[in-house]
């Protein structure tokens, strides 16, 4: 059974950095586009970033553009989200997802994505 497991969340101060990891098991990572989503308390889940099968193209939501970087290492079946200059508004549960559709449309297709992780909490204090 395919599983995605996130790690790396925690409590940090505004301006700090964190790196989240998403490890895929029983999944040929190179066959799936992968992405990160987040859900803040009381809000809907929203798209953060996505990366193509080969890692050569990436897509970002406007609020994180220039601060977050998504990468992947297919040999390790692992995806990462480097988050810099964190703000209190970045506080959320961060979930990774995998899908055989295009990375470019993962944000629009979030309800239909094939595989989801359980999430990791990121809290940014002011």
N, C-alpha and C. Protein backbone atom coordinates (compact mmCIF):
# COMPACT_ATOMS: atom_id res chain seq x y z
N UNK A 1 0.84 -1.18 0.00
CA UNK A 1 0.00 0.00 0.00
C UNK A 1 0.88 1.24 0.00
N UNK A 2 0.53 2.19 -0.85
CA UNK A 2 1.31 3.41 -0.98
C UNK A 2 1.10 4.28 0.25
N UNK A 3 2.19 4.81 0.78
CA UNK A 3 2.12 5.72 1.92
C UNK A 3 3.06 6.89 1.73
N UNK A 4 2.63 8.04 2.23
CA UNK A 4 3.48 9.23 2.29
C UNK A 4 3.57 9.64 3.75
N UNK A 5 4.79 9.89 4.22
CA UNK A 5 4.99 10.25 5.62
C UNK A 5 5.80 11.54 5.67
N UNK A 6 5.19 12.55 6.27
CA UNK A 6 5.86 13.84 6.42
C UNK A 6 6.63 13.90 7.74
N UNK A 7 7.66 14.73 7.74
CA UNK A 7 8.41 15.00 8.96
C UNK A 7 9.07 16.36 8.85
N UNK A 8 9.54 16.86 9.98
CA UNK A 8 10.29 18.11 9.98
C UNK A 8 9.55 19.32 10.52
N UNK A 9 8.29 19.15 10.87
CA UNK A 9 7.54 20.28 11.42
C UNK A 9 8.00 20.63 12.82
N UNK A 10 7.51 21.75 13.32
CA UNK A 10 7.87 22.15 14.67
C UNK A 10 7.47 23.58 14.94
N UNK A 11 7.96 24.07 16.08
CA UNK A 11 7.67 25.45 16.52
C UNK A 11 8.92 26.29 16.29
N UNK A 12 8.76 27.36 15.52
CA UNK A 12 9.87 28.26 15.23
C UNK A 12 9.40 29.70 15.40
N UNK A 13 10.35 30.62 15.35
CA UNK A 13 10.03 32.03 15.42
C UNK A 13 9.98 32.64 14.02
N UNK A 14 9.29 33.73 13.90
CA UNK A 14 9.23 34.42 12.62
C UNK A 14 10.64 34.73 12.13
N UNK A 15 10.87 34.48 10.85
CA UNK A 15 12.17 34.70 10.25
C UNK A 15 13.05 33.46 10.20
N UNK A 16 12.66 32.44 10.96
CA UNK A 16 13.43 31.19 10.97
C UNK A 16 13.16 30.36 9.72
N UNK A 17 13.88 29.24 9.63
CA UNK A 17 13.73 28.31 8.52
C UNK A 17 13.40 26.92 9.03
N UNK A 18 12.75 26.14 8.19
CA UNK A 18 12.47 24.73 8.45
C UNK A 18 12.55 23.98 7.14
N UNK A 19 12.90 22.70 7.21
CA UNK A 19 12.84 21.85 6.03
C UNK A 19 11.93 20.67 6.32
N UNK A 20 10.89 20.55 5.54
CA UNK A 20 9.98 19.41 5.65
C UNK A 20 10.40 18.32 4.68
N UNK A 21 10.16 17.08 5.08
CA UNK A 21 10.43 15.93 4.23
C UNK A 21 9.16 15.13 4.03
N UNK A 22 9.06 14.50 2.87
CA UNK A 22 7.95 13.61 2.57
C UNK A 22 8.53 12.34 1.98
N UNK A 23 8.47 11.26 2.74
CA UNK A 23 9.02 9.98 2.32
C UNK A 23 7.91 9.11 1.77
N UNK A 24 8.14 8.56 0.59
CA UNK A 24 7.15 7.71 -0.08
C UNK A 24 7.57 6.25 0.03
N UNK A 25 6.66 5.42 0.46
CA UNK A 25 6.93 3.99 0.51
C UNK A 25 5.99 3.29 -0.47
N UNK A 26 6.47 2.18 -0.99
CA UNK A 26 5.69 1.40 -1.94
C UNK A 26 5.21 2.25 -3.10
N UNK A 27 6.02 3.17 -3.49
CA UNK A 27 5.65 4.12 -4.53
C UNK A 27 6.85 4.36 -5.42
N UNK A 28 6.67 4.22 -6.70
CA UNK A 28 7.75 4.60 -7.62
C UNK A 28 7.66 6.10 -7.82
N UNK A 29 8.43 6.83 -7.03
CA UNK A 29 8.28 8.29 -6.98
C UNK A 29 8.42 8.93 -8.34
N UNK A 30 9.25 8.39 -9.19
CA UNK A 30 9.48 9.02 -10.48
C UNK A 30 8.26 8.94 -11.38
N UNK A 31 7.23 8.19 -10.99
CA UNK A 31 6.01 8.09 -11.79
C UNK A 31 4.94 9.09 -11.35
N UNK A 32 5.23 9.83 -10.29
CA UNK A 32 4.22 10.71 -9.70
C UNK A 32 4.73 12.14 -9.62
N UNK A 33 3.87 13.07 -9.98
CA UNK A 33 4.10 14.45 -9.58
C UNK A 33 3.82 14.54 -8.09
N UNK A 34 4.50 15.43 -7.41
CA UNK A 34 4.32 15.54 -5.96
C UNK A 34 4.16 16.99 -5.57
N UNK A 35 3.51 17.18 -4.45
CA UNK A 35 3.26 18.56 -4.03
C UNK A 35 3.03 18.69 -2.55
N UNK A 36 3.01 19.93 -2.10
CA UNK A 36 2.73 20.26 -0.70
C UNK A 36 1.48 21.14 -0.64
N UNK A 37 0.69 20.86 0.38
CA UNK A 37 -0.49 21.65 0.67
C UNK A 37 -0.46 21.99 2.16
N UNK A 38 -1.23 22.99 2.55
CA UNK A 38 -1.29 23.31 3.96
C UNK A 38 -2.70 23.72 4.36
N UNK A 39 -3.00 23.48 5.62
CA UNK A 39 -4.30 23.83 6.16
C UNK A 39 -4.11 24.53 7.49
N UNK A 40 -4.42 25.81 7.50
CA UNK A 40 -4.33 26.60 8.73
C UNK A 40 -5.59 26.35 9.57
N UNK A 41 -5.50 26.55 10.88
CA UNK A 41 -6.66 26.34 11.75
C UNK A 41 -7.88 27.14 11.28
N UNK A 42 -8.98 26.44 11.08
CA UNK A 42 -10.21 27.10 10.66
C UNK A 42 -10.32 27.40 9.19
N UNK A 43 -9.32 27.00 8.42
CA UNK A 43 -9.32 27.29 6.98
C UNK A 43 -9.32 26.01 6.16
N UNK A 44 -9.59 26.18 4.85
CA UNK A 44 -9.51 25.04 3.95
C UNK A 44 -8.05 24.74 3.59
N UNK A 45 -7.84 23.55 3.12
CA UNK A 45 -6.53 23.17 2.64
C UNK A 45 -6.22 23.94 1.34
N UNK A 46 -4.99 24.43 1.23
CA UNK A 46 -4.61 25.20 0.05
C UNK A 46 -3.27 24.70 -0.51
N UNK A 47 -3.10 24.94 -1.76
CA UNK A 47 -1.88 24.54 -2.46
C UNK A 47 -0.70 25.39 -2.03
N UNK A 48 0.46 24.73 -1.89
CA UNK A 48 1.69 25.44 -1.55
C UNK A 48 2.70 25.37 -2.70
N UNK A 49 3.01 24.15 -3.13
CA UNK A 49 4.03 23.98 -4.17
C UNK A 49 3.89 22.60 -4.79
N UNK A 50 4.40 22.46 -6.02
CA UNK A 50 4.39 21.17 -6.70
C UNK A 50 5.64 21.03 -7.55
N UNK A 51 5.98 19.78 -7.84
CA UNK A 51 7.19 19.50 -8.60
C UNK A 51 6.92 18.37 -9.56
N UNK A 52 7.48 18.47 -10.76
CA UNK A 52 7.24 17.47 -11.79
C UNK A 52 7.96 16.16 -11.48
N UNK A 53 7.64 15.14 -12.28
CA UNK A 53 8.20 13.80 -12.07
C UNK A 53 9.73 13.81 -12.00
N UNK A 54 10.36 14.58 -12.88
CA UNK A 54 11.81 14.58 -12.94
C UNK A 54 12.43 15.71 -12.11
N UNK A 55 11.61 16.51 -11.47
CA UNK A 55 12.11 17.57 -10.61
C UNK A 55 12.59 18.81 -11.33
N UNK A 56 12.38 18.87 -12.64
CA UNK A 56 12.94 20.00 -13.39
C UNK A 56 12.04 21.22 -13.40
N UNK A 57 10.77 21.05 -13.11
CA UNK A 57 9.84 22.19 -13.08
C UNK A 57 9.13 22.22 -11.74
N UNK A 58 8.96 23.44 -11.24
CA UNK A 58 8.29 23.62 -9.95
C UNK A 58 7.25 24.72 -10.07
N UNK A 59 6.28 24.67 -9.17
CA UNK A 59 5.18 25.63 -9.16
C UNK A 59 4.90 26.02 -7.72
N UNK A 60 4.61 27.30 -7.51
CA UNK A 60 4.42 27.81 -6.16
C UNK A 60 3.19 28.69 -6.06
N UNK A 61 2.57 28.65 -4.88
CA UNK A 61 1.51 29.61 -4.58
C UNK A 61 2.15 30.97 -4.32
N UNK A 62 1.44 32.02 -4.64
CA UNK A 62 2.00 33.37 -4.50
C UNK A 62 2.51 33.68 -3.09
N UNK A 63 1.80 33.28 -2.03
CA UNK A 63 2.26 33.66 -0.67
C UNK A 63 3.63 33.08 -0.29
N UNK A 64 4.07 32.03 -0.97
CA UNK A 64 5.35 31.41 -0.59
C UNK A 64 6.42 31.61 -1.64
N UNK A 65 6.08 32.21 -2.76
CA UNK A 65 7.04 32.42 -3.84
C UNK A 65 8.25 33.20 -3.33
N UNK A 66 9.42 32.68 -3.62
CA UNK A 66 10.65 33.34 -3.22
C UNK A 66 11.12 32.99 -1.82
N UNK A 67 10.28 32.34 -1.03
CA UNK A 67 10.67 31.95 0.33
C UNK A 67 10.77 30.43 0.49
N UNK A 68 9.93 29.69 -0.23
CA UNK A 68 9.90 28.23 -0.14
C UNK A 68 10.52 27.64 -1.41
N UNK A 69 11.16 26.48 -1.24
CA UNK A 69 11.73 25.75 -2.37
C UNK A 69 11.37 24.28 -2.26
N UNK A 70 10.78 23.75 -3.32
CA UNK A 70 10.41 22.34 -3.36
C UNK A 70 11.45 21.58 -4.19
N UNK A 71 11.88 20.44 -3.68
CA UNK A 71 12.83 19.59 -4.39
C UNK A 71 12.44 18.13 -4.18
N UNK A 72 13.07 17.26 -4.94
CA UNK A 72 12.82 15.84 -4.76
C UNK A 72 14.06 15.05 -5.16
N UNK A 73 14.21 13.89 -4.53
CA UNK A 73 15.27 12.94 -4.87
C UNK A 73 14.59 11.62 -5.15
N UNK A 74 14.41 11.29 -6.41
CA UNK A 74 13.65 10.09 -6.77
C UNK A 74 14.35 8.81 -6.31
N UNK A 75 15.66 8.81 -6.28
CA UNK A 75 16.38 7.61 -5.84
C UNK A 75 16.02 7.25 -4.40
N UNK A 76 15.68 8.26 -3.62
CA UNK A 76 15.30 8.05 -2.22
C UNK A 76 13.80 8.09 -1.99
N UNK A 77 13.04 8.29 -3.08
CA UNK A 77 11.59 8.43 -2.94
C UNK A 77 11.22 9.51 -1.92
N UNK A 78 11.93 10.62 -1.95
CA UNK A 78 11.71 11.66 -0.95
C UNK A 78 11.57 13.03 -1.61
N UNK A 79 10.66 13.81 -1.07
CA UNK A 79 10.45 15.18 -1.50
C UNK A 79 10.69 16.10 -0.31
N UNK A 80 11.12 17.32 -0.58
CA UNK A 80 11.43 18.26 0.48
C UNK A 80 10.75 19.61 0.22
N UNK A 81 10.55 20.33 1.31
CA UNK A 81 10.10 21.71 1.22
C UNK A 81 10.96 22.55 2.15
N UNK A 82 11.86 23.33 1.57
CA UNK A 82 12.68 24.24 2.34
C UNK A 82 11.91 25.53 2.53
N UNK A 83 11.69 25.90 3.77
CA UNK A 83 10.89 27.09 4.08
C UNK A 83 11.77 28.10 4.80
N UNK A 84 11.97 29.23 4.18
CA UNK A 84 12.79 30.30 4.75
C UNK A 84 11.93 31.51 5.06
N UNK A 85 12.46 32.39 5.88
CA UNK A 85 11.76 33.64 6.23
C UNK A 85 10.32 33.36 6.65
N UNK A 86 10.16 32.41 7.53
CA UNK A 86 8.81 32.00 7.93
C UNK A 86 8.07 33.13 8.64
N UNK A 87 6.76 33.15 8.42
CA UNK A 87 5.87 34.16 9.00
C UNK A 87 4.79 33.47 9.83
N UNK A 88 4.20 34.16 10.78
CA UNK A 88 3.09 33.56 11.52
C UNK A 88 1.97 33.06 10.60
N UNK A 89 1.78 33.72 9.45
CA UNK A 89 0.75 33.29 8.50
C UNK A 89 1.05 31.94 7.87
N UNK A 90 2.28 31.45 8.02
CA UNK A 90 2.64 30.13 7.50
C UNK A 90 2.25 29.00 8.45
N UNK A 91 1.75 29.34 9.62
CA UNK A 91 1.33 28.33 10.59
C UNK A 91 0.21 27.49 10.01
N UNK A 92 0.43 26.17 9.96
CA UNK A 92 -0.54 25.25 9.36
C UNK A 92 -0.07 23.82 9.52
N UNK A 93 -0.97 22.90 9.21
CA UNK A 93 -0.57 21.50 9.00
C UNK A 93 -0.18 21.37 7.53
N UNK A 94 1.02 20.87 7.31
CA UNK A 94 1.54 20.72 5.95
C UNK A 94 1.43 19.25 5.54
N UNK A 95 0.80 19.00 4.40
CA UNK A 95 0.61 17.65 3.89
C UNK A 95 1.25 17.53 2.52
N UNK A 96 1.82 16.36 2.26
CA UNK A 96 2.33 16.11 0.92
C UNK A 96 1.35 15.21 0.17
N UNK A 97 1.41 15.29 -1.14
CA UNK A 97 0.52 14.52 -2.00
C UNK A 97 1.27 14.07 -3.23
N UNK A 98 0.79 12.98 -3.81
CA UNK A 98 1.38 12.44 -5.03
C UNK A 98 0.26 12.08 -5.99
N UNK A 99 0.53 12.31 -7.27
CA UNK A 99 -0.51 12.06 -8.27
C UNK A 99 0.14 11.87 -9.63
N UNK A 100 -0.52 11.09 -10.47
CA UNK A 100 0.03 10.86 -11.80
C UNK A 100 -0.43 11.90 -12.83
N UNK A 101 -1.12 12.93 -12.36
CA UNK A 101 -1.44 14.05 -13.25
C UNK A 101 -0.25 15.00 -13.29
N UNK A 102 -0.41 16.07 -14.05
CA UNK A 102 0.65 17.06 -14.18
C UNK A 102 0.82 17.85 -12.89
N UNK A 103 2.06 18.14 -12.54
CA UNK A 103 2.33 18.97 -11.37
C UNK A 103 1.69 20.35 -11.51
N UNK A 104 1.59 20.83 -12.71
CA UNK A 104 1.06 22.17 -12.95
C UNK A 104 -0.40 22.30 -12.52
N UNK A 105 -1.14 21.20 -12.50
CA UNK A 105 -2.55 21.26 -12.15
C UNK A 105 -2.86 20.68 -10.79
N UNK A 106 -1.85 20.34 -10.01
CA UNK A 106 -2.12 19.69 -8.72
C UNK A 106 -2.93 20.60 -7.82
N UNK A 107 -2.64 21.89 -7.84
CA UNK A 107 -3.40 22.80 -7.01
C UNK A 107 -4.88 22.80 -7.35
N UNK A 108 -5.20 22.77 -8.61
CA UNK A 108 -6.60 22.80 -9.05
C UNK A 108 -7.30 21.47 -8.83
N UNK A 109 -6.52 20.38 -8.77
CA UNK A 109 -7.08 19.03 -8.65
C UNK A 109 -6.93 18.45 -7.25
N UNK A 110 -6.77 19.29 -6.24
CA UNK A 110 -6.43 18.78 -4.91
C UNK A 110 -7.43 17.76 -4.40
N UNK A 111 -8.71 17.91 -4.75
CA UNK A 111 -9.70 16.96 -4.25
C UNK A 111 -9.58 15.59 -4.89
N UNK A 112 -8.83 15.50 -5.98
CA UNK A 112 -8.77 14.25 -6.72
C UNK A 112 -7.40 13.57 -6.67
N UNK A 113 -6.48 14.13 -5.92
CA UNK A 113 -5.13 13.58 -5.89
C UNK A 113 -5.13 12.19 -5.27
N UNK A 114 -4.24 11.35 -5.76
CA UNK A 114 -4.30 9.91 -5.43
C UNK A 114 -3.83 9.56 -4.03
N UNK A 115 -2.75 10.18 -3.59
CA UNK A 115 -2.12 9.76 -2.34
C UNK A 115 -1.85 10.99 -1.47
N UNK A 116 -2.15 10.88 -0.19
CA UNK A 116 -1.92 11.96 0.77
C UNK A 116 -1.19 11.44 1.99
N UNK A 117 -0.35 12.29 2.55
CA UNK A 117 0.23 12.00 3.85
C UNK A 117 -0.67 12.52 4.96
N UNK A 118 -0.28 12.23 6.21
CA UNK A 118 -1.09 12.63 7.35
C UNK A 118 -0.84 14.07 7.78
N UNK A 119 0.31 14.59 7.44
CA UNK A 119 0.60 15.98 7.74
C UNK A 119 1.57 16.16 8.89
N UNK A 120 2.22 17.31 8.89
CA UNK A 120 3.12 17.69 9.97
C UNK A 120 2.84 19.15 10.31
N UNK A 121 2.81 19.44 11.61
CA UNK A 121 2.42 20.78 12.06
C UNK A 121 3.60 21.73 12.05
N UNK A 122 3.39 22.89 11.50
CA UNK A 122 4.36 23.97 11.54
C UNK A 122 3.73 25.15 12.25
N UNK A 123 4.37 25.61 13.31
CA UNK A 123 3.88 26.76 14.06
C UNK A 123 4.95 27.84 14.08
N UNK A 124 4.58 29.01 13.62
CA UNK A 124 5.52 30.13 13.56
C UNK A 124 5.03 31.21 14.53
N UNK A 125 5.83 31.49 15.54
CA UNK A 125 5.45 32.50 16.53
C UNK A 125 6.02 33.86 16.14
N UNK A 126 5.32 34.90 16.55
CA UNK A 126 5.76 36.26 16.19
C UNK A 126 6.73 36.82 17.21
